[in-house]
């Protein structure tokens, strides 16, 4: 048995991280085609009080690895928020996917019974509420905001780019 919280978490995290990697690659290609510095896109943001594209990538990574770890009963691995190039952003997403792929499915067997403490320590909630009410919406927010930043910069992306590969293997 894999527990009821594995299927709606890790595979979805992986799908969205893969989609984020793909839209970053499309952004890089677009910048190069237009004679722009691709790495400069990491400083782009939608509004002055919002995170940059680099910040969106970092938070998407944090939510995927953090939720995977917490649901499995582990402490999330720390990653420094120091990405300055697209290569470093891709490396972070790759490290995140590698990490979530190493967490054994069996670790989720009792995930639904866990009480999760949010990173700030201010709130605790049942694991299902954490996954559906915080972790997934947060991941989606940061991925779609990265998508919106790139669209705002003129990168030709569509809904299919945001969704990534949602078809079964």
Protein backbone atom coordinates (compact mmCIF):
# COMPACT_ATOMS: atom_id res chain seq x y z
CA UNK A 1 0.00 0.00 0.00
CA UNK A 2 1.31 3.48 -0.84
CA UNK A 3 -1.02 5.55 1.30
CA UNK A 4 -3.62 7.94 -0.03
CA UNK A 5 -1.37 11.02 -0.21
CA UNK A 6 1.42 9.78 -2.48
CA UNK A 7 -0.46 9.85 -5.82
CA UNK A 8 -1.79 13.40 -5.44
CA UNK A 9 1.56 14.73 -4.27
CA UNK A 10 4.85 13.45 -5.69
CA UNK A 11 3.67 12.75 -9.27
CA UNK A 12 2.01 16.18 -9.39
CA UNK A 13 5.10 17.88 -7.96
CA UNK A 14 7.21 16.16 -10.61
CA UNK A 15 4.84 17.16 -13.41
CA UNK A 16 4.90 20.80 -12.37
CA UNK A 17 8.68 20.90 -11.86
CA UNK A 18 9.15 19.36 -15.30
CA UNK A 19 6.77 21.95 -16.79
CA UNK A 20 8.67 24.75 -15.01
CA UNK A 21 11.95 23.46 -16.44
CA UNK A 22 10.42 23.37 -19.90
CA UNK A 23 9.06 26.93 -19.73
CA UNK A 24 12.44 28.18 -18.49
CA UNK A 25 14.07 26.51 -21.51
CA UNK A 26 11.55 28.19 -23.81
CA UNK A 27 12.28 31.50 -22.11
CA UNK A 28 15.98 31.00 -22.61
CA UNK A 29 15.50 30.18 -26.30
CA UNK A 30 13.26 33.23 -26.75
CA UNK A 31 15.83 35.52 -25.14
CA UNK A 32 18.62 34.16 -27.34
CA UNK A 33 16.49 34.53 -30.50
CA UNK A 34 15.98 38.19 -29.61
CA UNK A 35 19.60 38.91 -28.70
CA UNK A 36 18.87 39.22 -24.98
CA UNK A 37 20.75 37.88 -21.99
CA UNK A 38 18.72 34.82 -20.90
CA UNK A 39 20.03 35.00 -17.34
CA UNK A 40 18.67 38.54 -16.98
CA UNK A 41 15.16 37.06 -17.01
CA UNK A 42 15.75 35.71 -13.52
CA UNK A 43 15.48 39.26 -12.17
CA UNK A 44 12.11 39.87 -13.88
CA UNK A 45 8.97 40.18 -11.80
CA UNK A 46 5.33 41.07 -12.41
CA UNK A 47 5.11 43.78 -9.77
CA UNK A 48 7.62 45.53 -7.50
CA UNK A 49 6.36 43.71 -4.40
CA UNK A 50 6.46 40.23 -5.96
CA UNK A 51 9.28 37.71 -6.13
CA UNK A 52 11.51 37.60 -9.17
CA UNK A 53 11.50 34.70 -11.60
CA UNK A 54 14.40 33.24 -9.61
CA UNK A 55 12.32 33.55 -6.44
CA UNK A 56 9.39 31.77 -8.09
CA UNK A 57 11.66 28.87 -9.10
CA UNK A 58 13.08 28.70 -5.57
CA UNK A 59 9.65 28.67 -3.93
CA UNK A 60 8.27 26.06 -6.35
CA UNK A 61 11.27 23.90 -5.47
CA UNK A 62 10.79 24.54 -1.74
CA UNK A 63 7.11 23.55 -1.81
CA UNK A 64 7.73 20.36 -3.80
CA UNK A 65 10.64 19.10 -1.70
CA UNK A 66 9.18 20.39 1.56
CA UNK A 67 5.79 18.79 1.10
CA UNK A 68 7.33 15.52 -0.09
CA UNK A 69 9.52 15.37 3.00
CA UNK A 70 6.84 16.41 5.48
CA UNK A 71 4.24 14.00 4.12
CA UNK A 72 6.81 11.18 4.31
CA UNK A 73 7.76 12.14 7.87
CA UNK A 74 11.18 13.56 7.00
CA UNK A 75 12.84 16.93 7.44
CA UNK A 76 13.12 18.79 4.12
CA UNK A 77 16.63 19.23 2.79
CA UNK A 78 17.79 22.86 2.83
CA UNK A 79 18.71 24.49 -0.46
CA UNK A 80 20.39 27.90 -0.56
CA UNK A 81 18.45 30.54 -2.51
CA UNK A 82 21.45 31.65 -4.56
CA UNK A 83 20.56 30.93 -8.19
CA UNK A 84 21.90 33.69 -10.45
CA UNK A 85 21.80 31.92 -13.82
CA UNK A 86 19.31 29.79 -15.69
CA UNK A 87 21.79 26.91 -15.49
CA UNK A 88 21.68 27.23 -11.69
CA UNK A 89 17.87 27.42 -11.73
CA UNK A 90 17.74 24.24 -13.82
CA UNK A 91 20.20 22.56 -11.46
CA UNK A 92 17.97 23.43 -8.50
CA UNK A 93 14.92 21.98 -10.21
CA UNK A 94 16.93 18.88 -11.06
CA UNK A 95 18.10 18.51 -7.43
CA UNK A 96 14.49 18.88 -6.31
CA UNK A 97 13.26 16.18 -8.70
CA UNK A 98 16.15 13.93 -7.68
CA UNK A 99 15.25 14.41 -4.01
CA UNK A 100 11.54 13.70 -4.36
CA UNK A 101 12.38 10.64 -6.46
CA UNK A 102 14.52 9.23 -3.60
CA UNK A 103 11.72 9.35 -1.02
CA UNK A 104 10.32 5.82 -0.91
CA UNK A 105 6.64 5.42 -1.71
CA UNK A 106 6.29 3.33 1.44
CA UNK A 107 7.13 6.41 3.53
CA UNK A 108 3.70 7.77 2.57
CA UNK A 109 1.84 4.81 4.04
CA UNK A 110 0.87 6.74 7.18
CA UNK A 111 1.06 10.22 5.71
CA UNK A 112 -2.67 10.88 6.14
CA UNK A 113 -2.28 10.41 9.90
CA UNK A 114 0.47 12.98 10.26
CA UNK A 115 0.09 16.48 11.64
CA UNK A 116 2.17 18.88 9.58
CA UNK A 117 3.76 21.99 11.03
CA UNK A 118 4.11 24.79 8.50
CA UNK A 119 7.66 26.04 7.94
CA UNK A 120 6.93 29.22 9.90
CA UNK A 121 5.98 27.04 12.87
CA UNK A 122 2.86 29.13 13.39
CA UNK A 123 0.33 26.57 12.17
CA UNK A 124 -0.27 22.87 12.36
CA UNK A 125 -2.78 20.89 10.35
CA UNK A 126 -3.64 17.38 9.26
CA UNK A 127 -1.54 16.19 6.33
CA UNK A 128 -4.47 16.12 3.89
CA UNK A 129 -5.35 19.72 4.66
CA UNK A 130 -1.69 20.69 4.33
CA UNK A 131 -1.39 19.03 0.93
CA UNK A 132 -4.67 20.21 -0.58
CA UNK A 133 -4.96 23.58 1.16
CA UNK A 134 -1.35 24.77 1.24
CA UNK A 135 1.33 22.75 -0.57
CA UNK A 136 -0.37 22.13 -3.91
CA UNK A 137 -1.90 25.63 -4.21
CA UNK A 138 1.45 27.19 -3.29
CA UNK A 139 3.33 25.13 -5.86
CA UNK A 140 0.78 25.97 -8.55
CA UNK A 141 0.93 29.67 -7.63
CA UNK A 142 4.70 29.86 -8.05
CA UNK A 143 4.77 27.86 -11.27
CA UNK A 144 1.97 29.91 -12.84
CA UNK A 145 3.62 33.13 -11.69
CA UNK A 146 6.89 32.04 -13.35
CA UNK A 147 4.82 31.30 -16.47
CA UNK A 148 3.20 34.77 -16.26
CA UNK A 149 6.57 36.50 -15.86
CA UNK A 150 7.86 34.79 -18.99
CA UNK A 151 4.66 35.57 -20.91
CA UNK A 152 4.98 39.20 -19.83
CA UNK A 153 8.51 39.15 -21.28
CA UNK A 154 7.08 38.02 -24.61
CA UNK A 155 7.85 34.30 -24.41
CA UNK A 156 5.27 32.45 -26.53
CA UNK A 157 3.80 30.04 -24.02
CA UNK A 158 0.37 28.48 -23.81
CA UNK A 159 -1.69 26.52 -21.33
CA UNK A 160 -0.19 23.26 -22.55
CA UNK A 161 3.25 24.56 -21.56
CA UNK A 162 2.00 25.26 -18.04
CA UNK A 163 0.34 21.86 -17.69
CA UNK A 164 3.40 19.94 -18.83
CA UNK A 165 3.15 16.23 -19.44
CA UNK A 166 -0.04 15.14 -17.74
CA UNK A 167 -0.46 12.02 -19.85
CA UNK A 168 0.39 8.67 -18.28
CA UNK A 169 3.59 7.00 -19.42
